[in-house]
């Protein structure tokens, strides 16, 4: 009886092996693919780690609130950002540190509900409605400077404006789109548009 059970169990597998038309998988050759040099350096090299979070009180000062609407409730969770975008942004932050500018993430990912709420505040805040912003996909961030224990967002500060110029220069060199070139300038905004290097 045991022998008959073994034949019934093993026979289908044996027949499959005998009559199967095997297809050999060819090795994947990625040498012919175009590799973005920035992405390649990120993948091949060091993976940067986001800086430690600042205390929430930093984001609710009268100065911060005057320059950025609803900043207290913005998401500053680095892990909600697209990994490629996150690494590029961290490279920009590191580059600016060499010039004496400490950058702070003001807002990264935005829920569609938050985006819609910000759009309803008017075009002085944003023209993008829900799902019209790269923020909803973790591919955009708004950043500012941190100096002497305070956020520096103002465009009236010459030190900050020089920092924004450098920020835009480095962001673009790492394949990001900088809001400082837009008609409605957004100096602290960068985004990664897929299909671009």
C-alpha atoms as a PDB file:
ATOM      1  CA  UNK A   1       0.000   0.000   0.000  1.00  0.00           C
ATOM      2  CA  UNK A   2       2.849   2.396   0.859  1.00  0.00           C
ATOM      3  CA  UNK A   3       4.466   1.704  -2.524  1.00  0.00           C
ATOM      4  CA  UNK A   4       1.261   2.512  -4.369  1.00  0.00           C
ATOM      5  CA  UNK A   5       0.955   5.828  -2.459  1.00  0.00           C
ATOM      6  CA  UNK A   6       4.562   6.715  -3.337  1.00  0.00           C
ATOM      7  CA  UNK A   7       3.913   6.012  -7.034  1.00  0.00           C
ATOM      8  CA  UNK A   8       0.750   8.148  -6.987  1.00  0.00           C
ATOM      9  CA  UNK A   9       2.577  11.035  -5.323  1.00  0.00           C
ATOM     10  CA  UNK A  10       5.819  10.894  -7.319  1.00  0.00           C
ATOM     11  CA  UNK A  11       4.446   9.907 -10.730  1.00  0.00           C
ATOM     12  CA  UNK A  12       2.961  13.319 -11.643  1.00  0.00           C
ATOM     13  CA  UNK A  13       6.174  15.098 -10.677  1.00  0.00           C
ATOM     14  CA  UNK A  14       8.261  12.626 -12.663  1.00  0.00           C
ATOM     15  CA  UNK A  15       6.059  12.991 -15.746  1.00  0.00           C
ATOM     16  CA  UNK A  16       6.252  16.755 -15.472  1.00  0.00           C
ATOM     17  CA  UNK A  17      10.041  16.619 -15.425  1.00  0.00           C
ATOM     18  CA  UNK A  18      10.170  14.286 -18.426  1.00  0.00           C
ATOM     19  CA  UNK A  19       7.741  16.150 -20.659  1.00  0.00           C
ATOM     20  CA  UNK A  20       8.217  19.766 -19.546  1.00  0.00           C
ATOM     21  CA  UNK A  21       9.643  22.215 -22.029  1.00  0.00           C
ATOM     22  CA  UNK A  22      12.315  23.976 -19.966  1.00  0.00           C
ATOM     23  CA  UNK A  23      13.050  27.593 -20.670  1.00  0.00           C
ATOM     24  CA  UNK A  24      16.403  28.802 -19.516  1.00  0.00           C
ATOM     25  CA  UNK A  25      16.459  32.272 -18.051  1.00  0.00           C
ATOM     26  CA  UNK A  26      19.072  34.498 -19.556  1.00  0.00           C
ATOM     27  CA  UNK A  27      21.162  36.576 -17.233  1.00  0.00           C
ATOM     28  CA  UNK A  28      20.187  40.201 -16.901  1.00  0.00           C
ATOM     29  CA  UNK A  29      22.745  42.503 -18.437  1.00  0.00           C
ATOM     30  CA  UNK A  30      22.423  46.036 -17.113  1.00  0.00           C
ATOM     31  CA  UNK A  31      25.614  47.281 -18.713  1.00  0.00           C
ATOM     32  CA  UNK A  32      23.666  48.673 -21.669  1.00  0.00           C
ATOM     33  CA  UNK A  33      21.174  50.626 -19.528  1.00  0.00           C
ATOM     34  CA  UNK A  34      21.664  54.341 -18.935  1.00  0.00           C
ATOM     35  CA  UNK A  35      22.487  55.017 -15.297  1.00  0.00           C
ATOM     36  CA  UNK A  36      21.875  58.444 -13.881  1.00  0.00           C
ATOM     37  CA  UNK A  37      25.205  59.441 -12.283  1.00  0.00           C
ATOM     38  CA  UNK A  38      23.556  60.965  -9.198  1.00  0.00           C
ATOM     39  CA  UNK A  39      21.379  57.924  -8.596  1.00  0.00           C
ATOM     40  CA  UNK A  40      24.306  55.598  -9.292  1.00  0.00           C
ATOM     41  CA  UNK A  41      26.479  57.394  -6.736  1.00  0.00           C
ATOM     42  CA  UNK A  42      23.665  57.150  -4.192  1.00  0.00           C
ATOM     43  CA  UNK A  43      23.126  53.458  -4.804  1.00  0.00           C
ATOM     44  CA  UNK A  44      26.815  52.623  -4.954  1.00  0.00           C
ATOM     45  CA  UNK A  45      27.911  54.822  -2.103  1.00  0.00           C
ATOM     46  CA  UNK A  46      26.922  56.019   1.288  1.00  0.00           C
ATOM     47  CA  UNK A  47      23.237  56.295   2.170  1.00  0.00           C
ATOM     48  CA  UNK A  48      22.674  59.528   4.049  1.00  0.00           C
ATOM     49  CA  UNK A  49      20.596  59.566   7.203  1.00  0.00           C
ATOM     50  CA  UNK A  50      18.085  62.350   7.935  1.00  0.00           C
ATOM     51  CA  UNK A  51      19.065  64.795  10.675  1.00  0.00           C
ATOM     52  CA  UNK A  52      17.526  64.580  14.132  1.00  0.00           C
ATOM     53  CA  UNK A  53      14.111  66.213  14.417  1.00  0.00           C
ATOM     54  CA  UNK A  54      13.933  69.667  15.934  1.00  0.00           C
ATOM     55  CA  UNK A  55      11.539  70.353  18.818  1.00  0.00           C
ATOM     56  CA  UNK A  56       7.986  71.151  17.615  1.00  0.00           C
ATOM     57  CA  UNK A  57       8.177  74.567  19.313  1.00  0.00           C
ATOM     58  CA  UNK A  58      10.658  75.700  16.622  1.00  0.00           C
ATOM     59  CA  UNK A  59       7.871  75.507  14.036  1.00  0.00           C
ATOM     60  CA  UNK A  60       5.198  77.444  15.942  1.00  0.00           C
ATOM     61  CA  UNK A  61       6.942  80.736  16.583  1.00  0.00           C
ATOM     62  CA  UNK A  62       5.225  83.932  15.354  1.00  0.00           C
ATOM     63  CA  UNK A  63       8.047  84.474  12.821  1.00  0.00           C
ATOM     64  CA  UNK A  64       7.675  80.984  11.364  1.00  0.00           C
ATOM     65  CA  UNK A  65       3.888  81.284  11.216  1.00  0.00           C
ATOM     66  CA  UNK A  66       4.094  84.646   9.463  1.00  0.00           C
ATOM     67  CA  UNK A  67       6.126  83.161   6.609  1.00  0.00           C
ATOM     68  CA  UNK A  68       4.506  79.729   6.318  1.00  0.00           C
ATOM     69  CA  UNK A  69       0.818  78.909   6.652  1.00  0.00           C
ATOM     70  CA  UNK A  70      -0.151  75.926   8.782  1.00  0.00           C
ATOM     71  CA  UNK A  71       3.466  74.993   9.503  1.00  0.00           C
ATOM     72  CA  UNK A  72       2.689  73.491  12.905  1.00  0.00           C
ATOM     73  CA  UNK A  73       0.659  70.656  11.337  1.00  0.00           C
ATOM     74  CA  UNK A  74       3.011  69.936   8.415  1.00  0.00           C
ATOM     75  CA  UNK A  75       4.625  66.506   8.063  1.00  0.00           C
ATOM     76  CA  UNK A  76       8.376  66.468   8.533  1.00  0.00           C
ATOM     77  CA  UNK A  77       8.615  62.677   8.419  1.00  0.00           C
ATOM     78  CA  UNK A  78      11.603  61.899   6.206  1.00  0.00           C
ATOM     79  CA  UNK A  79      10.599  58.269   5.709  1.00  0.00           C
ATOM     80  CA  UNK A  80       7.402  59.323   3.911  1.00  0.00           C
ATOM     81  CA  UNK A  81       9.537  60.795   1.127  1.00  0.00           C
ATOM     82  CA  UNK A  82      10.472  58.780  -1.951  1.00  0.00           C
ATOM     83  CA  UNK A  83      13.862  57.118  -1.176  1.00  0.00           C
ATOM     84  CA  UNK A  84      15.604  58.541  -4.257  1.00  0.00           C
ATOM     85  CA  UNK A  85      14.250  62.030  -3.615  1.00  0.00           C
ATOM     86  CA  UNK A  86      15.145  61.771   0.084  1.00  0.00           C
ATOM     87  CA  UNK A  87      18.791  60.954  -0.722  1.00  0.00           C
ATOM     88  CA  UNK A  88      19.078  63.790  -3.238  1.00  0.00           C
ATOM     89  CA  UNK A  89      17.613  66.269  -0.736  1.00  0.00           C
ATOM     90  CA  UNK A  90      19.988  65.058   1.962  1.00  0.00           C
ATOM     91  CA  UNK A  91      22.897  65.583  -0.456  1.00  0.00           C
ATOM     92  CA  UNK A  92      21.721  69.173  -0.925  1.00  0.00           C
ATOM     93  CA  UNK A  93      21.499  69.640   2.849  1.00  0.00           C
ATOM     94  CA  UNK A  94      25.038  68.272   3.272  1.00  0.00           C
ATOM     95  CA  UNK A  95      26.386  70.542   0.516  1.00  0.00           C
ATOM     96  CA  UNK A  96      24.872  73.610   2.164  1.00  0.00           C
ATOM     97  CA  UNK A  97      26.395  72.699   5.526  1.00  0.00           C
ATOM     98  CA  UNK A  98      29.801  73.187   3.892  1.00  0.00           C
ATOM     99  CA  UNK A  99      28.762  76.808   3.287  1.00  0.00           C
ATOM    100  CA  UNK A 100      27.572  77.311   6.860  1.00  0.00           C
ATOM    101  CA  UNK A 101      23.859  76.798   6.208  1.00  0.00           C
ATOM    102  CA  UNK A 102      21.940  74.311   8.314  1.00  0.00           C
ATOM    103  CA  UNK A 103      18.801  73.228   6.478  1.00  0.00           C
ATOM    104  CA  UNK A 104      15.541  72.102   8.061  1.00  0.00           C
ATOM    105  CA  UNK A 105      12.710  70.179   6.444  1.00  0.00           C
ATOM    106  CA  UNK A 106       9.573  72.302   6.875  1.00  0.00           C
ATOM    107  CA  UNK A 107       7.218  69.981   5.044  1.00  0.00           C
ATOM    108  CA  UNK A 108       7.580  66.867   2.935  1.00  0.00           C
ATOM    109  CA  UNK A 109       4.684  64.526   2.280  1.00  0.00           C
ATOM    110  CA  UNK A 110       1.227  66.120   2.172  1.00  0.00           C
ATOM    111  CA  UNK A 111      -2.020  64.236   2.290  1.00  0.00           C
ATOM    112  CA  UNK A 112      -4.535  65.104  -0.448  1.00  0.00           C
ATOM    113  CA  UNK A 113      -6.800  66.586   2.256  1.00  0.00           C
ATOM    114  CA  UNK A 114      -4.047  68.900   3.487  1.00  0.00           C
ATOM    115  CA  UNK A 115      -3.174  69.920  -0.076  1.00  0.00           C
ATOM    116  CA  UNK A 116      -6.818  70.781  -0.760  1.00  0.00           C
ATOM    117  CA  UNK A 117      -7.042  72.764   2.483  1.00  0.00           C
ATOM    118  CA  UNK A 118      -3.908  74.757   1.559  1.00  0.00           C
ATOM    119  CA  UNK A 119      -5.250  75.392  -1.964  1.00  0.00           C
ATOM    120  CA  UNK A 120      -8.455  76.809  -0.473  1.00  0.00           C
ATOM    121  CA  UNK A 121      -6.383  79.418   1.373  1.00  0.00           C
ATOM    122  CA  UNK A 122      -5.609  81.005  -1.995  1.00  0.00           C
ATOM    123  CA  UNK A 123      -2.928  81.327  -4.650  1.00  0.00           C
ATOM    124  CA  UNK A 124      -0.584  83.141  -2.262  1.00  0.00           C
ATOM    125  CA  UNK A 125      -0.228  79.730  -0.535  1.00  0.00           C
ATOM    126  CA  UNK A 126      -0.509  77.308  -3.483  1.00  0.00           C
ATOM    127  CA  UNK A 127      -2.243  76.898  -6.818  1.00  0.00           C
ATOM    128  CA  UNK A 128      -2.095  73.086  -6.619  1.00  0.00           C
ATOM    129  CA  UNK A 129      -5.181  71.217  -5.493  1.00  0.00           C
ATOM    130  CA  UNK A 130      -5.229  67.637  -4.192  1.00  0.00           C
ATOM    131  CA  UNK A 131      -3.138  65.295  -6.346  1.00  0.00           C
ATOM    132  CA  UNK A 132      -1.726  68.207  -8.340  1.00  0.00           C
ATOM    133  CA  UNK A 133       1.371  68.550  -6.179  1.00  0.00           C
ATOM    134  CA  UNK A 134       4.469  66.391  -5.993  1.00  0.00           C
ATOM    135  CA  UNK A 135       4.081  66.578  -2.200  1.00  0.00           C
ATOM    136  CA  UNK A 136       1.302  63.966  -2.369  1.00  0.00           C
ATOM    137  CA  UNK A 137       3.739  61.465  -3.852  1.00  0.00           C
ATOM    138  CA  UNK A 138       6.630  62.118  -1.478  1.00  0.00           C
ATOM    139  CA  UNK A 139       8.550  63.808  -4.296  1.00  0.00           C
ATOM    140  CA  UNK A 140       8.599  67.404  -2.989  1.00  0.00           C
ATOM    141  CA  UNK A 141       9.816  69.230   0.070  1.00  0.00           C
ATOM    142  CA  UNK A 142       9.845  72.714   1.504  1.00  0.00           C
ATOM    143  CA  UNK A 143      12.940  73.611   3.494  1.00  0.00           C
ATOM    144  CA  UNK A 144      14.366  76.577   5.351  1.00  0.00           C
ATOM    145  CA  UNK A 145      17.426  77.533   7.323  1.00  0.00           C
ATOM    146  CA  UNK A 146      18.081  77.077  11.026  1.00  0.00           C
ATOM    147  CA  UNK A 147      20.312  79.662  12.675  1.00  0.00           C
ATOM    148  CA  UNK A 148      20.823  80.538  16.327  1.00  0.00           C
ATOM    149  CA  UNK A 149      17.952  78.297  17.445  1.00  0.00           C
ATOM    150  CA  UNK A 150      15.411  79.815  15.019  1.00  0.00           C
ATOM    151  CA  UNK A 151      13.970  79.158  11.594  1.00  0.00           C
ATOM    152  CA  UNK A 152      15.003  81.664   8.942  1.00  0.00           C
ATOM    153  CA  UNK A 153      12.471  81.640   6.113  1.00  0.00           C
ATOM    154  CA  UNK A 154      12.331  85.333   5.199  1.00  0.00           C
ATOM    155  CA  UNK A 155      13.247  86.490   1.716  1.00  0.00           C
ATOM    156  CA  UNK A 156      14.168  89.871   3.224  1.00  0.00           C
ATOM    157  CA  UNK A 157      17.255  88.434   4.937  1.00  0.00           C
ATOM    158  CA  UNK A 158      20.304  88.763   2.620  1.00  0.00           C
ATOM    159  CA  UNK A 159      22.012  85.829   4.358  1.00  0.00           C
ATOM    160  CA  UNK A 160      18.962  83.638   3.690  1.00  0.00           C
ATOM    161  CA  UNK A 161      18.688  84.773   0.072  1.00  0.00           C
ATOM    162  CA  UNK A 162      22.296  83.786  -0.562  1.00  0.00           C
ATOM    163  CA  UNK A 163      21.468  80.459   1.048  1.00  0.00           C
ATOM    164  CA  UNK A 164      18.440  80.001  -1.191  1.00  0.00           C
ATOM    165  CA  UNK A 165      20.598  80.745  -4.243  1.00  0.00           C
ATOM    166  CA  UNK A 166      23.028  78.018  -3.180  1.00  0.00           C
ATOM    167  CA  UNK A 167      20.131  75.714  -2.308  1.00  0.00           C
ATOM    168  CA  UNK A 168      18.709  76.077  -5.811  1.00  0.00           C
ATOM    169  CA  UNK A 169      22.108  75.621  -7.433  1.00  0.00           C
ATOM    170  CA  UNK A 170      22.833  72.409  -5.547  1.00  0.00           C
ATOM    171  CA  UNK A 171      19.281  71.087  -5.915  1.00  0.00           C
ATOM    172  CA  UNK A 172      19.430  71.482  -9.682  1.00  0.00           C
ATOM    173  CA  UNK A 173      22.874  69.868  -9.814  1.00  0.00           C
ATOM    174  CA  UNK A 174      21.342  66.802  -8.121  1.00  0.00           C
ATOM    175  CA  UNK A 175      18.504  66.613 -10.641  1.00  0.00           C
ATOM    176  CA  UNK A 176      15.813  68.401  -8.641  1.00  0.00           C
ATOM    177  CA  UNK A 177      13.482  71.156  -9.812  1.00  0.00           C
ATOM    178  CA  UNK A 178      13.810  74.327  -7.728  1.00  0.00           C
ATOM    179  CA  UNK A 179      10.792  76.533  -7.025  1.00  0.00           C
ATOM    180  CA  UNK A 180      12.996  79.631  -7.040  1.00  0.00           C
ATOM    181  CA  UNK A 181      12.820  79.642 -10.845  1.00  0.00           C
ATOM    182  CA  UNK A 182       9.023  79.669 -11.009  1.00  0.00           C
ATOM    183  CA  UNK A 183       6.910  82.728 -11.788  1.00  0.00           C
ATOM    184  CA  UNK A 184       5.436  82.498  -8.263  1.00  0.00           C
ATOM    185  CA  UNK A 185       8.787  81.895  -6.618  1.00  0.00           C
ATOM    186  CA  UNK A 186       8.995  79.329  -3.857  1.00  0.00           C
ATOM    187  CA  UNK A 187      12.650  79.477  -2.814  1.00  0.00           C
ATOM    188  CA  UNK A 188      12.474  76.703  -0.236  1.00  0.00           C
ATOM    189  CA  UNK A 189      10.667  74.221  -2.519  1.00  0.00           C
ATOM    190  CA  UNK A 190      12.324  71.415  -4.492  1.00  0.00           C
ATOM    191  CA  UNK A 191      10.802  68.422  -6.242  1.00  0.00           C
ATOM    192  CA  UNK A 192      11.852  65.372  -8.200  1.00  0.00           C
ATOM    193  CA  UNK A 193       9.984  64.993 -11.458  1.00  0.00           C
ATOM    194  CA  UNK A 194      10.125  61.450 -12.753  1.00  0.00           C
ATOM    195  CA  UNK A 195      11.626  61.142 -16.202  1.00  0.00           C
ATOM    196  CA  UNK A 196      14.240  63.789 -15.428  1.00  0.00           C
ATOM    197  CA  UNK A 197      17.737  63.149 -14.192  1.00  0.00           C
END
